[in-house]
Amino acid sequence: GYKSPGKVKQGDAYAQETREIILSLDEVSKTAPNGKKLLSDVSLGMYLGAKIGILGANGAGKSTLLKILAGVDTDIDGEIKKRPDIRIGYLEQEPSLDDGETVQENLEAGMKEMRDTVKEFEEISVKLGEDGADVDALMKRMDELQTQIDAANGWEIDRFLDQAADALRCPPGDAKVATLSGGERRRVALAKLLVSNPDILLLDEPTNHLDAESVAWLESFLKSFQGTVVAVTHDRYFLDACAGWILELDQGKGIPFEGNYNQWLEAKASRLEQEGKVKAAREKALAKELEWVRKQQKGQQKKGKARLRRYEELLAESEAAQTRSNMDGITIPPGPRLGDLVLTVDGLAKSFGDRLLYEDMSFHVPPGATIGIIGGNGAGKTTLFRMITGEQKPDEGGIRLGETVKPIYVDQSREELDPKKSVFEEIGNGREEVELGPRKVNTRAYCGWYNFKGADQQKKVGDLSGGERNRLQLAKALAEGGNLLMLDEPTNDLDVETLRCLEDAIEAFPGSTLVVSHDRWFLDRVATHILAFEGDSKTTFFSGSYSEYEKDRRERLGLGAPTRVKFRKLAGM
């Protein structure tokens, strides 16, 4: 059996937790088609009401584990044991919506079971008034139904569906499923899953394609959710707020830890120190993150203005680093020296059809600044990048780039990758060395910076996980070098280790960065300013971290659950 760690801990993440095991793995092993051992004799028990976050490198088997728990992947050695009455709900990375043509039809399908239960309850109410009714039997069944409905708050299910669809910013109910983007499909699938109220929620990257306000709403929902939550996520604030357990997948083993992300980080750093690990880039990155966490807790983190003052220093440090031969982590080669003018946006307006995305947008990017760009999906963040690169034109206003500015644009499509090439071929393009600014690096060593090591370098691009494709896209784009880094959702699907290394690389980058992201932890670590798309066609440019911006936003606009993104109509349309 499985040893209980003792009494349930105190705190929000443990409020629903019991000591009743409802789902377990018994010596489960799984081998990938390429022969890599993803899981090796993993035995774990999961408690009713536990909130579990799964961590591990891209390709470590996190999504595979969820598929096994969901019963989707049965090609395993070992055994999965589940209590017979337990209902499992599973959000996969690319969910299908096949319960009708429209968004509303698919959302309604998530409520069918509860609606049927309420309908049966109402029918019994009618039967109780009929002559010759078996009152005892009907009352017994009615009590059973009442218990089910009360436990799931089923009387309020229509109101909850409206609330969830709004908070997750789902498309309108009459929107056709066939026309939805990948992010819109995921948000509809998540809302549908939440209203179905299963006993176990298996969530594969639930915060992908959600903006920060929607993530905060989801956190609040999951804290009070009475069932078990097992989530694969790179969102460290989410893990800190929701997780009572961290399950780390490492070299086929499942290592459980009772605590949230911060506590796990402390324990992991201590473990690495005791093991006498060589300070490779990833261990250094973990140590830096831990130092940042401790400063945050003491209220000492005010790095934004300090970074802007250090631009010349950063440039000198980066140029010196380019001559060293022992670089072993993500490094962004510097471009030309930036002048005082990097990027100025003045009075910008842009619309699509009769929708005004924004008007009178104005901001100035100083040398060395990192601008975190946030807002609802479809608010026009990617459109802004396309206007900066000249792919699209603004309706009004101007965009000025400095004469020495050389942009590097990493978009979120990943469409430029050739599925038939290996990782090594895609990065090296047939060459044994990659040119990084003034120096050359062995291609295999460069692949290793992005955690493609050994046999992983021979993987075909078409066989990569979402996170591995994202790493590959970054490796290709960042090798080009430049001084204005433009990243569109770089944190989607990345494992936490790679995220740490990317954060360190951005902090050491001797240039300016614009980054669209919903990852609040990432933004707090790197952003000196926030450009926020706040809805109703308005934008705000704020000097400070994400957390400082969020405090300011609440003071200006108040709290309240997030709603669907709204745009003003153009005059005369």
Protein backbone atom coordinates (compact mmCIF):
# COMPACT_ATOMS: atom_id res chain seq x y z
CA GLY A 1 0.00 0.00 0.00
CA TYR A 2 0.74 3.68 0.24
CA LYS A 3 2.02 5.29 3.40
CA SER A 4 -0.01 8.21 4.68
CA PRO A 5 2.18 11.24 5.48
CA GLY A 6 0.08 11.80 8.61
CA LYS A 7 -2.56 14.44 9.21
CA VAL A 8 -3.69 16.79 6.46
CA LYS A 9 -1.76 20.07 6.55
CA GLN A 10 -3.35 23.44 7.22
CA GLY A 11 -3.87 25.98 4.43
CA ASP A 12 -6.03 26.73 1.39
CA ALA A 13 -4.38 24.04 -0.75
CA TYR A 14 -5.38 21.37 1.79
CA ALA A 15 -8.90 22.61 2.63
CA GLN A 16 -10.61 19.82 0.64
CA GLU A 17 -7.99 17.10 1.13
CA THR A 18 -8.82 13.79 2.85
CA ARG A 19 -6.77 10.67 3.51
CA GLU A 20 -8.90 8.54 1.18
CA ILE A 21 -7.00 7.24 -1.88
CA ILE A 22 -9.27 7.28 -4.94
CA LEU A 23 -6.74 6.82 -7.76
CA SER A 24 -3.42 5.02 -7.70
CA LEU A 25 -0.58 3.76 -9.87
CA ASP A 26 0.94 0.40 -9.01
CA GLU A 27 4.43 -0.17 -10.50
CA VAL A 28 3.47 1.64 -13.72
CA SER A 29 6.03 1.79 -16.53
CA LYS A 30 5.74 3.42 -19.95
CA THR A 31 8.17 3.42 -22.87
CA ALA A 32 7.88 5.95 -25.71
CA PRO A 33 7.87 4.74 -29.37
CA ASN A 34 11.52 5.87 -29.71
CA GLY A 35 12.52 3.55 -26.83
CA LYS A 36 12.87 6.25 -24.17
CA LYS A 37 11.66 5.14 -20.73
CA LEU A 38 9.16 7.79 -19.61
CA LEU A 39 7.90 6.09 -16.43
CA SER A 40 9.74 3.36 -14.54
CA ASP A 41 7.90 1.35 -11.85
CA VAL A 42 6.02 4.40 -10.52
CA SER A 43 3.76 3.68 -7.53
CA LEU A 44 1.65 6.54 -6.15
CA GLY A 45 -1.68 7.05 -4.41
CA MET A 46 -3.78 10.19 -4.90
CA TYR A 47 -6.07 11.47 -2.15
CA LEU A 48 -9.62 12.70 -2.58
CA GLY A 49 -9.46 16.50 -2.50
CA ALA A 50 -5.68 16.70 -3.02
CA LYS A 51 -4.28 19.45 -5.26
CA ILE A 52 -1.25 18.10 -7.14
CA GLY A 53 1.08 19.97 -9.52
CA ILE A 54 3.28 17.95 -11.89
CA LEU A 55 6.74 19.28 -12.79
CA GLY A 56 9.43 17.91 -15.08
CA ALA A 57 11.44 18.74 -18.19
CA ASN A 58 9.73 18.81 -21.59
CA GLY A 59 9.56 15.23 -22.83
CA ALA A 60 9.75 13.78 -19.27
CA GLY A 61 6.29 12.21 -19.64
CA LYS A 62 4.00 14.72 -17.88
CA SER A 63 1.28 14.68 -20.56
CA THR A 64 1.71 10.92 -20.94
CA LEU A 65 1.07 10.44 -17.21
CA LEU A 66 -2.19 12.41 -17.45
CA LYS A 67 -3.29 10.31 -20.44
CA ILE A 68 -2.60 7.15 -18.43
CA LEU A 69 -4.55 8.46 -15.42
CA ALA A 70 -7.43 9.46 -17.74
CA GLY A 71 -7.53 5.96 -19.25
CA VAL A 72 -6.70 7.35 -22.72
CA ASP A 73 -3.32 5.56 -22.87
CA THR A 74 -3.65 1.93 -21.75
CA ASP A 75 -0.45 0.64 -23.36
CA ILE A 76 1.45 0.39 -20.06
CA ASP A 77 3.05 -2.10 -17.72
CA GLY A 78 1.64 -2.11 -14.19
CA GLU A 79 -1.84 -1.21 -13.01
CA ILE A 80 -4.07 1.84 -12.53
CA LYS A 81 -6.62 1.46 -9.73
CA LYS A 82 -9.64 3.74 -9.48
CA ARG A 83 -12.59 3.69 -7.11
CA PRO A 84 -15.55 2.55 -9.30
CA ASP A 85 -17.83 5.52 -8.59
CA ILE A 86 -15.17 8.15 -9.34
CA ARG A 87 -15.69 10.34 -12.44
CA ILE A 88 -12.60 11.69 -14.19
CA GLY A 89 -12.53 14.88 -16.29
CA TYR A 90 -9.53 15.43 -18.58
CA LEU A 91 -8.34 18.60 -20.36
CA GLU A 92 -5.80 17.62 -23.00
CA GLN A 93 -3.44 20.07 -24.71
CA GLU A 94 -5.41 20.05 -27.97
CA PRO A 95 -8.99 19.20 -26.95
CA SER A 96 -11.68 18.25 -29.47
CA LEU A 97 -15.12 19.88 -29.36
CA ASP A 98 -17.52 17.46 -31.00
CA ASP A 99 -20.82 18.04 -29.18
CA GLY A 100 -22.32 20.32 -31.82
CA GLU A 101 -21.49 23.10 -34.26
CA THR A 102 -21.55 26.01 -31.81
CA VAL A 103 -19.77 27.02 -28.62
CA GLN A 104 -23.05 26.97 -26.64
CA GLU A 105 -23.92 23.41 -27.74
CA ASN A 106 -20.55 22.20 -26.49
CA LEU A 107 -20.84 24.07 -23.20
CA GLU A 108 -24.37 22.70 -22.67
CA ALA A 109 -23.04 19.14 -23.15
CA GLY A 110 -20.93 19.60 -20.02
CA MET A 111 -24.13 20.16 -18.01
CA LYS A 112 -26.16 17.27 -19.47
CA GLU A 113 -25.58 14.86 -16.59
CA MET A 114 -26.54 17.40 -13.92
CA ARG A 115 -29.52 18.62 -15.96
CA ASP A 116 -30.73 15.02 -16.24
CA THR A 117 -30.37 14.64 -12.46
CA VAL A 118 -32.38 17.82 -11.79
CA LYS A 119 -35.01 16.70 -14.32
CA GLU A 120 -35.38 13.31 -12.58
CA PHE A 121 -35.72 15.10 -9.21
CA GLU A 122 -38.52 17.29 -10.61
CA GLU A 123 -40.28 14.29 -12.18
CA ILE A 124 -40.26 12.46 -8.82
CA SER A 125 -41.74 15.56 -7.17
CA VAL A 126 -44.68 15.27 -9.58
CA LYS A 127 -45.03 11.48 -9.04
CA LEU A 128 -45.24 11.94 -5.26
CA GLY A 129 -48.60 13.69 -5.75
CA GLU A 130 -50.05 10.86 -7.81
CA ASP A 131 -52.45 8.25 -6.42
CA GLY A 132 -50.82 4.94 -5.51
CA ALA A 133 -47.28 6.33 -5.53
CA ASP A 134 -44.62 4.29 -3.70
CA VAL A 135 -43.79 7.19 -1.42
CA ASP A 136 -40.96 5.45 0.48
CA ALA A 137 -39.11 4.38 -2.67
CA LEU A 138 -39.62 7.77 -4.34
CA MET A 139 -38.48 9.68 -1.23
CA LYS A 140 -35.37 7.50 -0.95
CA ARG A 141 -34.46 8.21 -4.58
CA MET A 142 -35.26 11.89 -4.13
CA ASP A 143 -32.86 12.09 -1.16
CA GLU A 144 -30.11 10.47 -3.25
CA LEU A 145 -30.67 12.97 -6.08
CA GLN A 146 -30.83 15.92 -3.66
CA THR A 147 -27.45 14.89 -2.19
CA GLN A 148 -25.90 14.76 -5.70
CA ILE A 149 -27.39 18.11 -6.71
CA ASP A 150 -26.40 19.86 -3.48
CA ALA A 151 -22.83 18.48 -3.61
CA ALA A 152 -22.37 19.90 -7.12
CA ASN A 153 -24.39 23.09 -6.48
CA GLY A 154 -26.55 21.81 -9.35
CA TRP A 155 -29.41 24.26 -8.72
CA GLU A 156 -27.04 27.05 -9.82
CA ILE A 157 -25.49 25.27 -12.80
CA ASP A 158 -26.78 27.68 -15.47
CA ARG A 159 -25.49 30.69 -13.55
CA PHE A 160 -22.14 28.96 -13.02
CA LEU A 161 -21.84 28.19 -16.75
CA ASP A 162 -22.37 31.88 -17.58
CA GLN A 163 -19.82 32.85 -14.92
CA ALA A 164 -17.20 30.34 -16.14
CA ALA A 165 -17.67 31.24 -19.83
CA ASP A 166 -17.26 34.93 -18.97
CA ALA A 167 -14.30 34.48 -16.62
CA LEU A 168 -12.43 32.24 -19.10
CA ARG A 169 -13.31 34.70 -21.87
CA CYS A 170 -15.00 32.10 -24.09
CA PRO A 171 -16.18 33.18 -27.54
CA PRO A 172 -19.92 34.03 -27.95
CA GLY A 173 -22.29 31.07 -27.64
CA ASP A 174 -23.33 31.23 -31.30
CA ALA A 175 -19.71 31.16 -32.57
CA LYS A 176 -18.98 28.17 -34.81
CA VAL A 177 -16.52 25.66 -33.35
CA ALA A 178 -14.92 25.16 -36.79
CA THR A 179 -13.75 28.80 -36.87
CA LEU A 180 -12.19 28.89 -33.37
CA SER A 181 -8.45 29.34 -32.78
CA GLY A 182 -6.55 26.78 -30.72
CA GLY A 183 -6.67 29.05 -27.65
CA GLU A 184 -10.43 29.62 -27.98
CA ARG A 185 -11.04 25.85 -28.26
CA ARG A 186 -9.05 25.26 -25.07
CA ARG A 187 -11.02 27.88 -23.14
CA VAL A 188 -14.36 26.41 -24.24
CA ALA A 189 -13.15 22.88 -23.39
CA LEU A 190 -12.01 24.04 -19.93
CA ALA A 191 -15.33 25.77 -19.17
CA LYS A 192 -17.22 22.66 -20.35
CA LEU A 193 -15.06 20.46 -18.12
CA LEU A 194 -15.52 22.62 -15.02
CA VAL A 195 -19.34 22.68 -15.30
CA SER A 196 -19.38 18.88 -15.70
CA ASN A 197 -18.08 18.71 -12.07
CA PRO A 198 -16.08 15.44 -12.11
CA ASP A 199 -14.46 13.99 -8.98
CA ILE A 200 -10.95 14.28 -10.46
CA LEU A 201 -9.76 17.09 -12.75
CA LEU A 202 -6.75 16.15 -14.91
CA LEU A 203 -5.50 19.41 -16.43
CA ASP A 204 -2.72 19.59 -19.04
CA GLU A 205 -1.40 23.18 -19.05
CA PRO A 206 -4.76 24.71 -18.00
CA THR A 207 -3.36 28.28 -17.92
CA ASN A 208 -2.17 28.25 -21.55
CA HIS A 209 -4.09 30.85 -23.58
CA LEU A 210 -5.61 32.34 -20.41
CA ASP A 211 -4.73 35.90 -19.45
CA ALA A 212 -3.68 36.71 -15.90
CA GLU A 213 -7.19 37.69 -14.70
CA SER A 214 -8.69 34.43 -15.97
CA VAL A 215 -5.87 32.45 -14.33
CA ALA A 216 -6.62 34.16 -11.01
CA TRP A 217 -10.32 33.19 -11.35
CA LEU A 218 -9.34 29.58 -12.13
CA GLU A 219 -7.07 29.51 -9.05
CA SER A 220 -9.95 30.64 -6.87
CA PHE A 221 -12.27 27.99 -8.35
CA LEU A 222 -9.78 25.13 -7.90
CA LYS A 223 -9.04 26.07 -4.28
CA SER A 224 -12.69 25.50 -3.38
CA PHE A 225 -13.18 22.52 -5.74
CA GLN A 226 -14.00 19.55 -3.53
CA GLY A 227 -12.47 16.90 -5.79
CA THR A 228 -8.88 16.05 -6.66
CA VAL A 229 -6.87 18.22 -9.08
CA VAL A 230 -3.82 16.93 -10.98
CA ALA A 231 -2.32 19.71 -13.12
CA VAL A 232 0.65 19.84 -15.45
CA THR A 233 1.59 23.52 -15.49
CA HIS A 234 4.58 25.83 -15.80
CA ASP A 235 2.72 28.67 -14.00
CA ARG A 236 4.63 28.98 -10.74
CA TYR A 237 2.27 31.44 -9.03
CA PHE A 238 -0.55 29.01 -9.91
CA LEU A 239 1.42 26.15 -8.31
CA ASP A 240 2.18 28.31 -5.29
CA ALA A 241 -1.46 29.27 -4.81
CA CYS A 242 -3.18 25.95 -5.59
CA ALA A 243 -0.83 23.01 -5.08
CA GLY A 244 -0.54 21.11 -1.81
CA TRP A 245 1.68 18.54 -3.49
CA ILE A 246 4.36 18.66 -6.20
CA LEU A 247 5.03 15.50 -8.22
CA GLU A 248 8.37 15.78 -10.00
CA LEU A 249 9.02 13.47 -12.96
CA ASP A 250 12.75 12.90 -13.34
CA GLN A 251 14.39 10.13 -15.38
CA GLY A 252 11.34 7.87 -15.21
CA LYS A 253 10.75 8.30 -11.47
CA GLY A 254 7.83 10.08 -9.79
CA ILE A 255 9.07 12.00 -6.75
CA PRO A 256 6.22 13.33 -4.54
CA PHE A 257 6.72 16.37 -2.30
CA GLU A 258 4.16 17.71 0.17
CA GLY A 259 4.14 21.48 -0.17
CA ASN A 260 3.70 24.27 -2.71
CA TYR A 261 6.15 25.44 -5.38
CA ASN A 262 8.20 27.76 -3.13
CA GLN A 263 8.63 25.01 -0.54
CA TRP A 264 9.56 22.50 -3.25
CA LEU A 265 12.11 24.98 -4.65
CA GLU A 266 13.81 25.30 -1.24
CA ALA A 267 13.87 21.50 -0.81
CA LYS A 268 15.18 20.89 -4.33
CA ALA A 269 18.00 23.42 -3.93
CA SER A 270 18.95 21.80 -0.61
CA ARG A 271 18.89 18.33 -2.19
CA LEU A 272 21.13 19.38 -5.09
CA GLU A 273 23.56 20.97 -2.65
CA GLN A 274 23.72 17.79 -0.55
CA GLU A 275 24.29 15.70 -3.68
CA GLY A 276 27.23 17.97 -4.53
CA LYS A 277 25.91 18.70 -8.02
CA VAL A 278 28.21 20.57 -10.39
CA LYS A 279 26.83 24.07 -10.82
CA ALA A 280 25.58 23.61 -14.37
CA ALA A 281 23.44 26.34 -15.92
CA ARG A 282 20.18 24.78 -14.74
CA GLU A 283 21.32 24.48 -11.11
CA LYS A 284 22.57 28.08 -11.25
CA ALA A 285 19.21 29.16 -12.65
CA LEU A 286 17.37 27.37 -9.83
CA ALA A 287 19.62 29.07 -7.25
CA LYS A 288 18.96 32.48 -8.83
CA GLU A 289 15.21 31.90 -8.77
CA LEU A 290 15.37 30.90 -5.11
CA GLU A 291 17.33 34.07 -4.33
CA TRP A 292 14.64 36.09 -6.16
CA VAL A 293 11.86 34.38 -4.17
CA ARG A 294 13.59 35.17 -0.87
CA LYS A 295 14.01 38.83 -1.84
CA GLN A 296 10.34 39.00 -2.85
CA GLN A 297 9.34 37.64 0.55
CA LYS A 298 11.45 40.33 2.26
CA GLY A 299 10.07 43.06 -0.03
CA GLN A 300 13.56 43.82 -1.36
CA GLN A 301 12.92 43.31 -5.09
CA LYS A 302 13.12 46.63 -6.94
CA LYS A 303 15.17 45.62 -9.95
CA GLY A 304 13.32 47.54 -12.72
CA LYS A 305 14.96 50.94 -12.39
CA ALA A 306 18.29 49.36 -11.45
CA ARG A 307 18.30 47.39 -14.72
CA LEU A 308 17.66 50.52 -16.78
CA ARG A 309 20.60 52.27 -15.06
CA ARG A 310 22.84 49.25 -15.81
CA TYR A 311 22.43 49.15 -19.62
CA GLU A 312 26.08 50.00 -20.35
CA GLU A 313 27.21 47.44 -17.75
CA LEU A 314 25.00 44.74 -19.27
CA LEU A 315 26.44 45.43 -22.71
CA ALA A 316 30.03 45.11 -21.44
CA GLU A 317 29.24 41.90 -19.51
CA SER A 318 27.54 40.35 -22.54
CA GLU A 319 30.40 41.20 -24.91
CA ALA A 320 32.88 39.67 -22.44
CA ALA A 321 30.73 36.54 -22.12
CA GLN A 322 30.78 36.03 -25.90
CA THR A 323 34.51 35.34 -25.72
CA ARG A 324 34.23 32.62 -23.07
CA SER A 325 34.13 29.00 -24.16
CA ASN A 326 32.21 27.56 -21.22
CA MET A 327 28.72 28.96 -21.81
CA ASP A 328 26.17 26.22 -21.10
CA GLY A 329 22.77 27.90 -20.87
CA ILE A 330 20.45 30.02 -23.00
CA THR A 331 22.45 33.02 -24.15
CA ILE A 332 21.08 35.76 -26.43
CA PRO A 333 23.92 37.20 -28.56
CA PRO A 334 24.00 41.00 -28.47
CA GLY A 335 23.18 43.17 -31.47
CA PRO A 336 24.44 46.70 -32.17
CA ARG A 337 24.60 49.23 -29.32
CA LEU A 338 21.20 50.88 -28.72
CA GLY A 339 20.85 54.65 -28.87
CA ASP A 340 18.46 56.72 -26.77
CA LEU A 341 15.64 55.95 -29.21
CA VAL A 342 14.67 52.26 -29.16
CA LEU A 343 10.93 52.28 -29.83
CA THR A 344 8.36 55.06 -29.52
CA VAL A 345 4.66 54.49 -30.17
CA ASP A 346 2.60 57.68 -30.51
CA GLY A 347 -1.19 57.94 -30.78
CA LEU A 348 -1.59 54.47 -32.27
CA ALA A 349 -5.05 53.27 -33.35
CA LYS A 350 -6.01 49.97 -34.99
CA SER A 351 -9.32 48.33 -35.87
CA PHE A 352 -10.60 45.18 -37.55
CA GLY A 353 -13.96 45.48 -39.27
CA ASP A 354 -16.19 47.45 -36.92
CA ARG A 355 -14.10 46.56 -33.83
CA LEU A 356 -11.76 49.21 -32.46
CA LEU A 357 -8.84 47.26 -30.91
CA TYR A 358 -7.26 50.36 -29.42
CA GLU A 359 -6.81 54.08 -29.94
CA ASP A 360 -4.38 56.72 -28.72
CA MET A 361 -1.83 54.10 -27.57
CA SER A 362 1.42 55.84 -26.65
CA PHE A 363 4.56 54.56 -24.90
CA HIS A 364 8.34 54.83 -25.01
CA VAL A 365 10.76 51.88 -24.59
CA PRO A 366 14.09 52.90 -22.99
CA PRO A 367 17.37 51.01 -23.65
CA GLY A 368 17.54 47.92 -21.41
CA ALA A 369 13.80 47.90 -20.60
CA THR A 370 11.70 44.72 -20.56
CA ILE A 371 8.06 45.42 -21.38
CA GLY A 372 5.57 42.75 -20.29
CA ILE A 373 2.48 42.86 -22.54
CA ILE A 374 -0.75 41.49 -21.06
CA GLY A 375 -4.44 41.38 -21.90
CA GLY A 376 -7.28 39.18 -23.06
CA ASN A 377 -6.99 36.93 -26.10
CA GLY A 378 -7.89 38.78 -29.27
CA ALA A 379 -7.14 42.18 -27.71
CA GLY A 380 -4.52 42.99 -30.39
CA LYS A 381 -1.18 42.14 -28.74
CA THR A 382 0.16 40.11 -31.68
CA THR A 383 -1.21 42.79 -34.05
CA LEU A 384 0.98 45.36 -32.25
CA PHE A 385 4.06 43.19 -32.91
CA ARG A 386 3.12 42.91 -36.58
CA MET A 387 2.84 46.69 -36.83
CA ILE A 388 6.25 47.14 -35.16
CA THR A 389 7.83 44.75 -37.72
CA GLY A 390 6.00 46.47 -40.60
CA GLU A 391 3.81 43.46 -41.50
CA GLN A 392 0.68 45.54 -40.78
CA LYS A 393 -0.06 49.25 -40.80
CA PRO A 394 -1.76 51.27 -38.05
CA ASP A 395 -4.96 53.18 -38.84
CA GLU A 396 -3.62 56.25 -37.03
CA GLY A 397 -0.49 57.29 -35.16
CA GLY A 398 3.15 56.39 -35.62
CA ILE A 399 5.82 53.86 -34.65
CA ARG A 400 9.45 54.99 -34.55
CA LEU A 401 12.37 52.57 -34.25
CA GLY A 402 15.92 53.75 -33.50
CA GLU A 403 18.46 53.63 -36.34
CA THR A 404 20.54 50.89 -34.67
CA VAL A 405 17.56 48.74 -33.64
CA LYS A 406 17.67 45.15 -34.91
CA PRO A 407 14.51 43.23 -33.87
CA ILE A 408 14.35 39.48 -33.16
CA TYR A 409 10.74 38.30 -33.44
CA VAL A 410 9.71 34.91 -32.04
CA ASP A 411 6.02 34.34 -32.84
CA GLN A 412 3.76 31.68 -31.30
CA SER A 413 2.86 29.78 -34.48
CA ARG A 414 5.91 27.41 -34.75
CA GLU A 415 4.90 27.04 -38.42
CA GLU A 416 8.39 27.57 -39.82
CA LEU A 417 9.71 24.28 -38.39
CA ASP A 418 10.19 21.33 -40.78
CA PRO A 419 8.57 18.20 -39.25
CA LYS A 420 10.85 15.87 -41.27
CA LYS A 421 14.14 17.31 -39.99
CA SER A 422 15.87 16.28 -36.79
CA VAL A 423 16.41 18.84 -34.00
CA PHE A 424 20.13 18.94 -34.87
CA GLU A 425 19.41 19.54 -38.59
CA GLU A 426 16.79 22.22 -37.86
CA ILE A 427 19.09 24.19 -35.54
CA GLY A 428 22.37 23.71 -37.41
CA ASN A 429 20.95 23.78 -40.93
CA GLY A 430 23.59 21.25 -41.97
CA ARG A 431 26.47 23.10 -40.28
CA GLU A 432 28.63 21.84 -37.40
CA GLU A 433 28.79 25.32 -35.84
CA VAL A 434 26.18 27.96 -35.03
CA GLU A 435 27.16 31.62 -35.40
CA LEU A 436 26.26 33.71 -32.36
CA GLY A 437 27.25 37.28 -32.99
CA PRO A 438 31.04 37.48 -33.06
CA ARG A 439 31.65 33.85 -32.06
CA LYS A 440 30.87 30.33 -33.20
CA VAL A 441 29.53 27.50 -31.03
CA ASN A 442 29.48 23.77 -31.76
CA THR A 443 25.94 22.95 -32.93
CA ARG A 444 25.56 19.96 -30.60
CA ALA A 445 26.68 22.07 -27.63
CA TYR A 446 24.21 24.80 -28.65
CA CYS A 447 21.39 22.23 -28.81
CA GLY A 448 22.34 21.27 -25.23
CA TRP A 449 21.81 24.87 -24.04
CA TYR A 450 18.12 24.36 -24.82
CA ASN A 451 18.12 20.95 -23.10
CA PHE A 452 18.31 18.91 -26.31
CA LYS A 453 20.98 16.43 -25.31
CA GLY A 454 22.15 13.05 -26.60
CA ALA A 455 19.46 11.12 -28.50
CA ASP A 456 17.02 14.05 -28.21
CA GLN A 457 19.06 15.88 -30.87
CA GLN A 458 18.10 13.17 -33.38
CA LYS A 459 14.36 13.40 -32.66
CA LYS A 460 12.24 14.39 -35.65
CA VAL A 461 10.56 17.78 -35.26
CA GLY A 462 7.20 16.15 -36.03
CA ASP A 463 7.59 13.90 -32.96
CA LEU A 464 8.33 16.71 -30.47
CA SER A 465 6.00 17.75 -27.64
CA GLY A 466 4.58 21.29 -27.62
CA GLY A 467 7.19 22.44 -25.13
CA GLU A 468 10.05 20.89 -27.13
CA ARG A 469 8.83 22.67 -30.30
CA ASN A 470 8.77 25.95 -28.38
CA ARG A 471 12.35 25.40 -27.18
CA LEU A 472 13.44 24.60 -30.73
CA GLN A 473 11.79 27.76 -32.08
CA LEU A 474 13.58 29.83 -29.41
CA ALA A 475 16.94 28.17 -30.16
CA LYS A 476 16.63 29.03 -33.86
CA ALA A 477 15.38 32.58 -33.44
CA LEU A 478 17.68 33.68 -30.62
CA ALA A 479 20.78 32.55 -32.51
CA GLU A 480 20.19 35.37 -35.02
CA GLY A 481 21.12 38.06 -32.50
CA GLY A 482 19.63 41.53 -32.22
CA ASN A 483 18.93 44.26 -29.68
CA LEU A 484 15.09 44.39 -29.58
CA LEU A 485 13.75 41.01 -28.54
CA MET A 486 10.04 40.46 -29.34
CA LEU A 487 8.60 37.29 -27.80
CA ASP A 488 4.96 36.30 -28.38
CA GLU A 489 3.85 33.88 -25.64
CA PRO A 490 7.31 32.28 -25.21
CA THR A 491 6.28 30.62 -21.94
CA ASN A 492 3.51 28.42 -23.43
CA ASP A 493 4.33 24.72 -22.90
CA LEU A 494 7.88 25.41 -21.62
CA ASP A 495 9.05 23.37 -18.64
CA VAL A 496 9.98 25.31 -15.52
CA GLU A 497 13.71 24.59 -15.89
CA THR A 498 13.83 26.15 -19.36
CA LEU A 499 11.70 29.06 -18.14
CA ARG A 500 14.27 29.82 -15.43
CA CYS A 501 17.08 29.80 -18.00
CA LEU A 502 15.08 32.05 -20.35
CA GLU A 503 14.43 34.49 -17.48
CA ASP A 504 18.16 34.61 -16.70
CA ALA A 505 18.97 35.11 -20.39
CA ILE A 506 16.53 38.04 -20.68
CA GLU A 507 17.91 39.61 -17.50
CA ALA A 508 21.46 39.38 -18.92
CA PHE A 509 20.41 40.50 -22.44
CA PRO A 510 22.02 43.85 -23.35
CA GLY A 511 19.01 45.15 -25.24
CA SER A 512 15.31 45.87 -24.85
CA THR A 513 12.62 43.19 -24.74
CA LEU A 514 8.90 43.16 -25.54
CA VAL A 515 7.24 40.00 -24.26
CA VAL A 516 3.60 38.95 -24.56
CA SER A 517 2.91 36.57 -21.67
CA HIS A 518 0.20 35.49 -19.23
CA ASP A 519 2.80 34.00 -16.85
CA ARG A 520 2.73 36.31 -13.83
CA TRP A 521 5.84 34.79 -12.18
CA PHE A 522 7.83 35.19 -15.40
CA LEU A 523 6.67 38.81 -15.75
CA ASP A 524 7.51 39.63 -12.13
CA ARG A 525 11.02 38.30 -12.65
CA VAL A 526 11.83 40.11 -15.91
CA ALA A 527 9.49 43.06 -16.54
CA THR A 528 10.49 46.67 -15.86
CA HIS A 529 7.22 47.97 -17.39
CA ILE A 530 3.76 46.59 -18.20
CA LEU A 531 1.71 47.41 -21.30
CA ALA A 532 -1.83 46.29 -20.41
CA PHE A 533 -4.76 45.86 -22.80
CA GLU A 534 -7.55 46.53 -20.31
CA GLY A 535 -10.62 46.07 -22.52
CA ASP A 536 -13.05 48.65 -23.96
CA SER A 537 -10.28 49.48 -26.49
CA LYS A 538 -8.06 51.01 -23.76
CA THR A 539 -4.40 50.39 -22.99
CA THR A 540 -2.26 51.40 -19.99
CA PHE A 541 1.55 51.72 -19.90
CA PHE A 542 2.84 51.20 -16.35
CA SER A 543 6.36 51.52 -14.93
CA GLY A 544 6.91 48.58 -12.56
CA SER A 545 6.48 44.83 -12.20
CA TYR A 546 3.33 42.82 -12.93
CA SER A 547 2.38 42.61 -9.24
CA GLU A 548 2.80 46.39 -8.85
CA TYR A 549 0.66 46.94 -11.96
CA GLU A 550 -2.03 44.57 -10.66
CA LYS A 551 -2.18 46.47 -7.36
CA ASP A 552 -2.53 49.74 -9.29
CA ARG A 553 -5.23 48.26 -11.57
CA ARG A 554 -7.31 47.12 -8.59
CA GLU A 555 -7.06 50.55 -7.01
CA ARG A 556 -8.16 52.20 -10.29
CA LEU A 557 -10.79 49.72 -11.50
CA GLY A 558 -11.75 47.68 -8.45
CA LEU A 559 -11.90 43.90 -8.18
CA GLY A 560 -14.56 41.65 -9.71
CA ALA A 561 -14.42 38.51 -11.86
CA PRO A 562 -12.99 38.84 -15.38
CA THR A 563 -15.43 39.15 -18.27
CA ARG A 564 -15.24 38.58 -22.01
CA VAL A 565 -13.01 41.13 -23.81
CA LYS A 566 -15.12 44.04 -25.07
CA PHE A 567 -14.30 46.47 -27.88
CA ARG A 568 -15.88 49.77 -28.78
CA LYS A 569 -17.60 49.97 -32.14
CA LEU A 570 -16.13 52.40 -34.62
CA ALA A 571 -18.18 55.57 -35.04
CA GLY A 572 -20.54 55.33 -37.99
CA MET A 573 -20.29 51.53 -38.27
